[in-house]
Amino acid sequence: GGLVLLSFQGQDILRSPHAATGLVAIGAIIVQAILPTFFEMGGKTSRDAHAYLGTATMVALFSHLATGIQLGLSF
C-alpha cells in the first residue's frame, strides 16, 4: 500500500522513510534468521546478538508502522 500511495503522489518510491524502514527491517530479519547457525560456535555472544537484534528489528517494524500510518494520512 505504501508504494502505491507514494507512486500516486508522484514521489520517488524508494527514497521515502517508509521504504527505508522497510528495507532496514527486512535486512534485520535476514540477519536474525542467519544468527542461530552460529549458536553452537559463538555461544553466549551469538545468542546475545540474536536477542539484541530481535529488539532492534521490532523497533524498525514499529517505525515502519508509524511511517506507513503517516503516509496513509497524507493521502
N, C-alpha and C. Protein backbone atom coordinates (compact mmCIF):
# COMPACT_ATOMS: atom_id res chain seq x y z
N GLY A 1 0.80 -1.18 0.00
CA GLY A 1 0.00 0.00 0.00
C GLY A 1 0.84 1.25 0.00
N GLY A 2 1.95 1.25 0.75
CA GLY A 2 2.79 2.43 0.83
C GLY A 2 3.42 2.80 -0.51
N LEU A 3 3.83 1.79 -1.26
CA LEU A 3 4.44 2.05 -2.57
C LEU A 3 3.43 2.65 -3.53
N VAL A 4 2.20 2.17 -3.49
CA VAL A 4 1.16 2.68 -4.37
C VAL A 4 0.85 4.13 -4.03
N LEU A 5 0.74 4.44 -2.72
CA LEU A 5 0.44 5.81 -2.32
C LEU A 5 1.55 6.77 -2.75
N LEU A 6 2.80 6.37 -2.56
CA LEU A 6 3.91 7.23 -2.96
C LEU A 6 3.93 7.44 -4.47
N SER A 7 3.70 6.38 -5.21
CA SER A 7 3.68 6.47 -6.66
C SER A 7 2.55 7.39 -7.13
N PHE A 8 1.39 7.26 -6.51
CA PHE A 8 0.23 8.08 -6.86
C PHE A 8 0.50 9.56 -6.58
N GLN A 9 1.27 9.84 -5.53
CA GLN A 9 1.60 11.22 -5.18
C GLN A 9 2.76 11.77 -6.00
N GLY A 10 3.33 10.95 -6.87
CA GLY A 10 4.42 11.38 -7.72
C GLY A 10 5.76 11.46 -7.02
N GLN A 11 5.90 10.80 -5.89
CA GLN A 11 7.15 10.81 -5.15
C GLN A 11 8.02 9.62 -5.54
N ASP A 12 9.32 9.75 -5.32
CA ASP A 12 10.24 8.66 -5.59
C ASP A 12 9.99 7.56 -4.57
N ILE A 13 9.68 6.37 -5.04
CA ILE A 13 9.21 5.28 -4.17
C ILE A 13 10.25 4.85 -3.14
N LEU A 14 11.49 4.65 -3.55
CA LEU A 14 12.48 4.07 -2.66
C LEU A 14 13.26 5.10 -1.84
N ARG A 15 12.86 6.37 -1.87
CA ARG A 15 13.56 7.40 -1.09
C ARG A 15 12.70 7.93 0.05
N SER A 16 11.69 7.21 0.40
CA SER A 16 10.80 7.65 1.48
C SER A 16 11.23 7.01 2.80
N PRO A 17 10.84 7.60 3.92
CA PRO A 17 11.13 6.98 5.22
C PRO A 17 10.46 5.61 5.35
N HIS A 18 9.29 5.45 4.73
CA HIS A 18 8.58 4.17 4.81
C HIS A 18 9.38 3.07 4.12
N ALA A 19 9.93 3.37 2.95
CA ALA A 19 10.75 2.38 2.24
C ALA A 19 12.04 2.09 3.00
N ALA A 20 12.65 3.13 3.56
CA ALA A 20 13.90 2.94 4.30
C ALA A 20 13.70 2.05 5.52
N THR A 21 12.63 2.30 6.29
CA THR A 21 12.39 1.46 7.46
C THR A 21 12.03 0.04 7.05
N GLY A 22 11.36 -0.11 5.93
CA GLY A 22 11.04 -1.45 5.44
C GLY A 22 12.28 -2.23 5.05
N LEU A 23 13.21 -1.56 4.36
CA LEU A 23 14.45 -2.23 3.97
C LEU A 23 15.32 -2.57 5.18
N VAL A 24 15.36 -1.68 6.16
CA VAL A 24 16.12 -1.96 7.39
C VAL A 24 15.51 -3.16 8.12
N ALA A 25 14.19 -3.21 8.20
CA ALA A 25 13.52 -4.32 8.88
C ALA A 25 13.77 -5.64 8.15
N ILE A 26 13.70 -5.63 6.84
CA ILE A 26 13.95 -6.86 6.07
C ILE A 26 15.39 -7.33 6.26
N GLY A 27 16.34 -6.38 6.21
CA GLY A 27 17.75 -6.74 6.43
C GLY A 27 17.97 -7.33 7.82
N ALA A 28 17.34 -6.72 8.83
CA ALA A 28 17.49 -7.23 10.20
C ALA A 28 16.88 -8.62 10.34
N ILE A 29 15.76 -8.85 9.69
CA ILE A 29 15.12 -10.17 9.75
C ILE A 29 16.00 -11.22 9.10
N ILE A 30 16.64 -10.86 8.00
CA ILE A 30 17.54 -11.82 7.32
C ILE A 30 18.71 -12.19 8.23
N VAL A 31 19.34 -11.17 8.83
CA VAL A 31 20.46 -11.45 9.75
C VAL A 31 19.96 -12.24 10.95
N GLN A 32 18.78 -11.90 11.44
CA GLN A 32 18.17 -12.60 12.58
C GLN A 32 17.97 -14.09 12.25
N ALA A 33 17.62 -14.38 11.02
CA ALA A 33 17.41 -15.76 10.61
C ALA A 33 18.72 -16.53 10.48
N ILE A 34 19.81 -15.84 10.17
CA ILE A 34 21.10 -16.49 9.98
C ILE A 34 21.81 -16.75 11.32
N LEU A 35 21.61 -15.88 12.29
CA LEU A 35 22.33 -15.97 13.56
C LEU A 35 22.23 -17.32 14.28
N PRO A 36 21.11 -18.00 14.30
CA PRO A 36 21.06 -19.28 15.02
C PRO A 36 22.06 -20.34 14.52
N THR A 37 22.51 -20.20 13.29
CA THR A 37 23.51 -21.16 12.80
C THR A 37 24.84 -21.02 13.54
N PHE A 38 25.05 -19.90 14.22
CA PHE A 38 26.29 -19.66 14.96
C PHE A 38 26.14 -19.92 16.46
N PHE A 39 25.00 -20.39 16.90
CA PHE A 39 24.78 -20.59 18.34
C PHE A 39 25.77 -21.57 18.95
N GLU A 40 26.03 -22.68 18.29
CA GLU A 40 26.96 -23.67 18.85
C GLU A 40 28.39 -23.14 18.85
N MET A 41 28.76 -22.45 17.78
CA MET A 41 30.11 -21.93 17.65
C MET A 41 30.34 -20.69 18.52
N GLY A 42 29.39 -19.76 18.48
CA GLY A 42 29.57 -18.47 19.13
C GLY A 42 29.12 -18.42 20.58
N GLY A 43 28.34 -19.41 21.00
CA GLY A 43 27.89 -19.46 22.37
C GLY A 43 27.05 -18.27 22.78
N LYS A 44 27.37 -17.73 23.95
CA LYS A 44 26.59 -16.65 24.54
C LYS A 44 26.60 -15.39 23.68
N THR A 45 27.70 -15.09 23.04
CA THR A 45 27.80 -13.87 22.23
C THR A 45 26.80 -13.87 21.09
N SER A 46 26.70 -14.99 20.38
CA SER A 46 25.77 -15.03 19.25
C SER A 46 24.32 -15.03 19.74
N ARG A 47 24.06 -15.64 20.89
CA ARG A 47 22.69 -15.62 21.45
C ARG A 47 22.32 -14.21 21.91
N ASP A 48 23.28 -13.50 22.50
CA ASP A 48 23.03 -12.12 22.90
C ASP A 48 22.78 -11.23 21.68
N ALA A 49 23.59 -11.42 20.64
CA ALA A 49 23.41 -10.65 19.41
C ALA A 49 22.03 -10.91 18.82
N HIS A 50 21.60 -12.17 18.87
CA HIS A 50 20.28 -12.54 18.35
C HIS A 50 19.17 -11.83 19.14
N ALA A 51 19.32 -11.76 20.44
CA ALA A 51 18.32 -11.11 21.29
C ALA A 51 18.29 -9.60 21.05
N TYR A 52 19.45 -8.97 21.00
CA TYR A 52 19.51 -7.52 20.78
C TYR A 52 19.02 -7.16 19.37
N LEU A 53 19.37 -7.97 18.39
CA LEU A 53 18.92 -7.71 17.04
C LEU A 53 17.41 -7.90 16.92
N GLY A 54 16.87 -8.84 17.67
CA GLY A 54 15.42 -9.02 17.69
C GLY A 54 14.71 -7.78 18.20
N THR A 55 15.27 -7.17 19.24
CA THR A 55 14.71 -5.93 19.77
C THR A 55 14.83 -4.81 18.75
N ALA A 56 15.98 -4.69 18.10
CA ALA A 56 16.18 -3.67 17.08
C ALA A 56 15.24 -3.88 15.89
N THR A 57 14.99 -5.13 15.56
CA THR A 57 14.05 -5.44 14.47
C THR A 57 12.65 -4.96 14.82
N MET A 58 12.24 -5.16 16.05
CA MET A 58 10.91 -4.70 16.46
C MET A 58 10.83 -3.18 16.43
N VAL A 59 11.90 -2.50 16.81
CA VAL A 59 11.92 -1.03 16.73
C VAL A 59 11.77 -0.59 15.27
N ALA A 60 12.50 -1.26 14.38
CA ALA A 60 12.40 -0.93 12.96
C ALA A 60 10.98 -1.18 12.43
N LEU A 61 10.36 -2.27 12.88
CA LEU A 61 9.00 -2.56 12.41
C LEU A 61 7.98 -1.57 12.95
N PHE A 62 8.14 -1.13 14.19
CA PHE A 62 7.23 -0.11 14.71
C PHE A 62 7.46 1.23 14.02
N SER A 63 8.70 1.53 13.67
CA SER A 63 8.99 2.74 12.90
C SER A 63 8.35 2.65 11.52
N HIS A 64 8.41 1.46 10.94
CA HIS A 64 7.78 1.22 9.64
C HIS A 64 6.27 1.42 9.74
N LEU A 65 5.69 0.95 10.82
CA LEU A 65 4.26 1.14 11.07
C LEU A 65 3.93 2.63 11.16
N ALA A 66 4.73 3.36 11.92
CA ALA A 66 4.47 4.79 12.11
C ALA A 66 4.59 5.56 10.79
N THR A 67 5.62 5.26 10.01
CA THR A 67 5.77 5.96 8.74
C THR A 67 4.68 5.56 7.75
N GLY A 68 4.20 4.33 7.85
CA GLY A 68 3.10 3.90 6.99
C GLY A 68 1.80 4.61 7.33
N ILE A 69 1.54 4.76 8.62
CA ILE A 69 0.34 5.49 9.05
C ILE A 69 0.44 6.94 8.61
N GLN A 70 1.61 7.53 8.79
CA GLN A 70 1.82 8.92 8.37
C GLN A 70 1.60 9.06 6.87
N LEU A 71 2.11 8.11 6.10
CA LEU A 71 1.93 8.14 4.66
C LEU A 71 0.46 8.00 4.28
N GLY A 72 -0.23 7.10 4.94
CA GLY A 72 -1.65 6.92 4.67
C GLY A 72 -2.48 8.14 5.00
N LEU A 73 -2.13 8.81 6.08
CA LEU A 73 -2.88 10.01 6.47
C LEU A 73 -2.57 11.19 5.57
N SER A 74 -1.44 11.17 4.88
CA SER A 74 -1.08 12.28 3.99
C SER A 74 -1.84 12.21 2.68
N PHE A 75 -2.51 11.12 2.41
CA PHE A 75 -3.21 10.93 1.14
C PHE A 75 -4.50 11.61 1.17
